[in-house]
């Protein structure tokens, strides 16, 4: 229960399902550009989520050992987690669309 308020590590954020149909009319070049845009946004966002998760774990350990009110400092970034999940889903949809069109892997 105490860990419920902790930030989630990027690897533990489940992607939100996105349909490759959104990219149906894209050329391989457009898919590559969109993939690069999503990766450029997701990489720093994932790093921030990992940093927040590590910070929250440290606070949780300190709070359990020393000072229970420190638990109030825990704060997952739920908006960033939601955006990261959406980006992961879009990235997966782009991968499926690229594969369906015979594009090179990105």
C-alpha atoms as a PDB file:
ATOM      1  CA  UNK A   1       0.000   0.000   0.000  1.00  0.00           C
ATOM      2  CA  UNK A   2       2.832   2.408   0.801  1.00  0.00           C
ATOM      3  CA  UNK A   3       4.321   2.025  -2.652  1.00  0.00           C
ATOM      4  CA  UNK A   4       1.041   2.944  -4.354  1.00  0.00           C
ATOM      5  CA  UNK A   5       1.986   6.635  -4.468  1.00  0.00           C
ATOM      6  CA  UNK A   6       5.409   5.950  -5.928  1.00  0.00           C
ATOM      7  CA  UNK A   7       6.326   6.870  -9.473  1.00  0.00           C
ATOM      8  CA  UNK A   8       6.433   3.976 -11.911  1.00  0.00           C
ATOM      9  CA  UNK A   9       9.651   3.059 -13.706  1.00  0.00           C
ATOM     10  CA  UNK A  10       9.445   3.457 -17.487  1.00  0.00           C
ATOM     11  CA  UNK A  11       9.867  -0.290 -18.099  1.00  0.00           C
ATOM     12  CA  UNK A  12       6.789  -0.937 -15.963  1.00  0.00           C
ATOM     13  CA  UNK A  13       4.478   1.464 -17.810  1.00  0.00           C
ATOM     14  CA  UNK A  14       2.198  -0.588 -20.035  1.00  0.00           C
ATOM     15  CA  UNK A  15       1.616   0.874 -23.488  1.00  0.00           C
ATOM     16  CA  UNK A  16      -1.847   2.080 -24.346  1.00  0.00           C
ATOM     17  CA  UNK A  17      -3.041   0.175 -27.390  1.00  0.00           C
ATOM     18  CA  UNK A  18      -3.006   2.249 -30.558  1.00  0.00           C
ATOM     19  CA  UNK A  19      -4.205   1.157 -33.958  1.00  0.00           C
ATOM     20  CA  UNK A  20      -1.767   0.968 -36.843  1.00  0.00           C
ATOM     21  CA  UNK A  21      -4.693   2.095 -39.015  1.00  0.00           C
ATOM     22  CA  UNK A  22      -3.883   5.656 -37.932  1.00  0.00           C
ATOM     23  CA  UNK A  23      -0.714   5.351 -40.025  1.00  0.00           C
ATOM     24  CA  UNK A  24      -2.246   3.427 -42.927  1.00  0.00           C
ATOM     25  CA  UNK A  25      -1.703   6.177 -45.479  1.00  0.00           C
ATOM     26  CA  UNK A  26       1.857   6.923 -44.349  1.00  0.00           C
ATOM     27  CA  UNK A  27       4.823   6.192 -46.570  1.00  0.00           C
ATOM     28  CA  UNK A  28       7.856   4.442 -45.070  1.00  0.00           C
ATOM     29  CA  UNK A  29       9.543   7.852 -44.835  1.00  0.00           C
ATOM     30  CA  UNK A  30       6.579   9.318 -42.963  1.00  0.00           C
ATOM     31  CA  UNK A  31       6.527   6.327 -40.609  1.00  0.00           C
ATOM     32  CA  UNK A  32      10.256   6.820 -39.985  1.00  0.00           C
ATOM     33  CA  UNK A  33       9.740  10.527 -39.245  1.00  0.00           C
ATOM     34  CA  UNK A  34       6.834   9.845 -36.887  1.00  0.00           C
ATOM     35  CA  UNK A  35       8.828   7.091 -35.168  1.00  0.00           C
ATOM     36  CA  UNK A  36      11.732   9.507 -34.654  1.00  0.00           C
ATOM     37  CA  UNK A  37       9.358  12.161 -33.244  1.00  0.00           C
ATOM     38  CA  UNK A  38       7.831   9.712 -30.779  1.00  0.00           C
ATOM     39  CA  UNK A  39      11.227   8.326 -29.756  1.00  0.00           C
ATOM     40  CA  UNK A  40      12.545  11.871 -29.216  1.00  0.00           C
ATOM     41  CA  UNK A  41       9.679  12.593 -26.818  1.00  0.00           C
ATOM     42  CA  UNK A  42       9.559   9.176 -25.122  1.00  0.00           C
ATOM     43  CA  UNK A  43      13.289   8.873 -24.316  1.00  0.00           C
ATOM     44  CA  UNK A  44      13.593  11.884 -21.974  1.00  0.00           C
ATOM     45  CA  UNK A  45      10.155  11.203 -20.559  1.00  0.00           C
ATOM     46  CA  UNK A  46      11.136   7.620 -19.733  1.00  0.00           C
ATOM     47  CA  UNK A  47      14.338   8.875 -18.126  1.00  0.00           C
ATOM     48  CA  UNK A  48      12.335  11.279 -15.929  1.00  0.00           C
ATOM     49  CA  UNK A  49       9.998   8.478 -14.905  1.00  0.00           C
ATOM     50  CA  UNK A  50      12.957   6.266 -13.988  1.00  0.00           C
ATOM     51  CA  UNK A  51      14.525   9.100 -11.991  1.00  0.00           C
ATOM     52  CA  UNK A  52      11.262   9.791 -10.158  1.00  0.00           C
ATOM     53  CA  UNK A  53      10.808   6.081  -9.384  1.00  0.00           C
ATOM     54  CA  UNK A  54      14.342   5.843  -8.015  1.00  0.00           C
ATOM     55  CA  UNK A  55      13.816   8.991  -5.921  1.00  0.00           C
ATOM     56  CA  UNK A  56      10.529   7.683  -4.538  1.00  0.00           C
ATOM     57  CA  UNK A  57      12.116   4.349  -3.586  1.00  0.00           C
ATOM     58  CA  UNK A  58      14.838   6.205  -1.671  1.00  0.00           C
ATOM     59  CA  UNK A  59      12.267   8.312   0.164  1.00  0.00           C
ATOM     60  CA  UNK A  60      10.200   5.225   0.951  1.00  0.00           C
ATOM     61  CA  UNK A  61      13.197   3.451   2.491  1.00  0.00           C
ATOM     62  CA  UNK A  62      14.172   6.545   4.488  1.00  0.00           C
ATOM     63  CA  UNK A  63      10.611   7.055   5.660  1.00  0.00           C
ATOM     64  CA  UNK A  64      10.249   3.478   6.783  1.00  0.00           C
ATOM     65  CA  UNK A  65      13.544   3.621   8.635  1.00  0.00           C
ATOM     66  CA  UNK A  66      13.465   7.113  10.051  1.00  0.00           C
ATOM     67  CA  UNK A  67      10.501   9.344   9.526  1.00  0.00           C
ATOM     68  CA  UNK A  68       7.037   8.242   8.439  1.00  0.00           C
ATOM     69  CA  UNK A  69       5.791  11.766   7.477  1.00  0.00           C
ATOM     70  CA  UNK A  70       8.393  11.742   4.687  1.00  0.00           C
ATOM     71  CA  UNK A  71       5.958   9.479   2.846  1.00  0.00           C
ATOM     72  CA  UNK A  72       4.044  12.639   2.001  1.00  0.00           C
ATOM     73  CA  UNK A  73       6.942  13.552  -0.339  1.00  0.00           C
ATOM     74  CA  UNK A  74       6.227  10.558  -2.552  1.00  0.00           C
ATOM     75  CA  UNK A  75       4.600  11.559  -5.737  1.00  0.00           C
ATOM     76  CA  UNK A  76       4.377   9.669  -8.928  1.00  0.00           C
ATOM     77  CA  UNK A  77       4.003  11.752 -12.044  1.00  0.00           C
ATOM     78  CA  UNK A  78       0.788  10.191 -13.274  1.00  0.00           C
ATOM     79  CA  UNK A  79       0.377  12.621 -16.185  1.00  0.00           C
ATOM     80  CA  UNK A  80       3.853  11.747 -17.467  1.00  0.00           C
ATOM     81  CA  UNK A  81       3.161   8.038 -16.985  1.00  0.00           C
ATOM     82  CA  UNK A  82      -0.043   8.387 -19.024  1.00  0.00           C
ATOM     83  CA  UNK A  83       1.765  10.242 -21.807  1.00  0.00           C
ATOM     84  CA  UNK A  84       4.574   7.688 -21.822  1.00  0.00           C
ATOM     85  CA  UNK A  85       2.036   4.853 -22.057  1.00  0.00           C
ATOM     86  CA  UNK A  86       0.359   6.600 -24.991  1.00  0.00           C
ATOM     87  CA  UNK A  87       3.699   7.142 -26.746  1.00  0.00           C
ATOM     88  CA  UNK A  88       4.667   3.488 -26.251  1.00  0.00           C
ATOM     89  CA  UNK A  89       1.351   2.441 -27.772  1.00  0.00           C
ATOM     90  CA  UNK A  90       1.792   4.753 -30.749  1.00  0.00           C
ATOM     91  CA  UNK A  91       5.354   3.470 -31.241  1.00  0.00           C
ATOM     92  CA  UNK A  92       4.094  -0.119 -31.275  1.00  0.00           C
ATOM     93  CA  UNK A  93       1.382   0.818 -33.790  1.00  0.00           C
ATOM     94  CA  UNK A  94       4.011   2.463 -36.005  1.00  0.00           C
ATOM     95  CA  UNK A  95       6.150  -0.678 -35.813  1.00  0.00           C
ATOM     96  CA  UNK A  96       3.169  -2.813 -36.861  1.00  0.00           C
ATOM     97  CA  UNK A  97       2.307  -0.413 -39.677  1.00  0.00           C
ATOM     98  CA  UNK A  98       5.918  -0.390 -40.901  1.00  0.00           C
ATOM     99  CA  UNK A  99       6.067  -4.180 -40.851  1.00  0.00           C
ATOM    100  CA  UNK A 100       2.753  -4.399 -42.706  1.00  0.00           C
ATOM    101  CA  UNK A 101       4.074  -2.120 -45.443  1.00  0.00           C
ATOM    102  CA  UNK A 102       7.429  -3.867 -45.668  1.00  0.00           C
ATOM    103  CA  UNK A 103       9.350  -0.846 -44.359  1.00  0.00           C
ATOM    104  CA  UNK A 104      12.764  -1.218 -42.764  1.00  0.00           C
ATOM    105  CA  UNK A 105      12.858  -1.447 -38.980  1.00  0.00           C
ATOM    106  CA  UNK A 106      13.241   1.822 -37.125  1.00  0.00           C
END
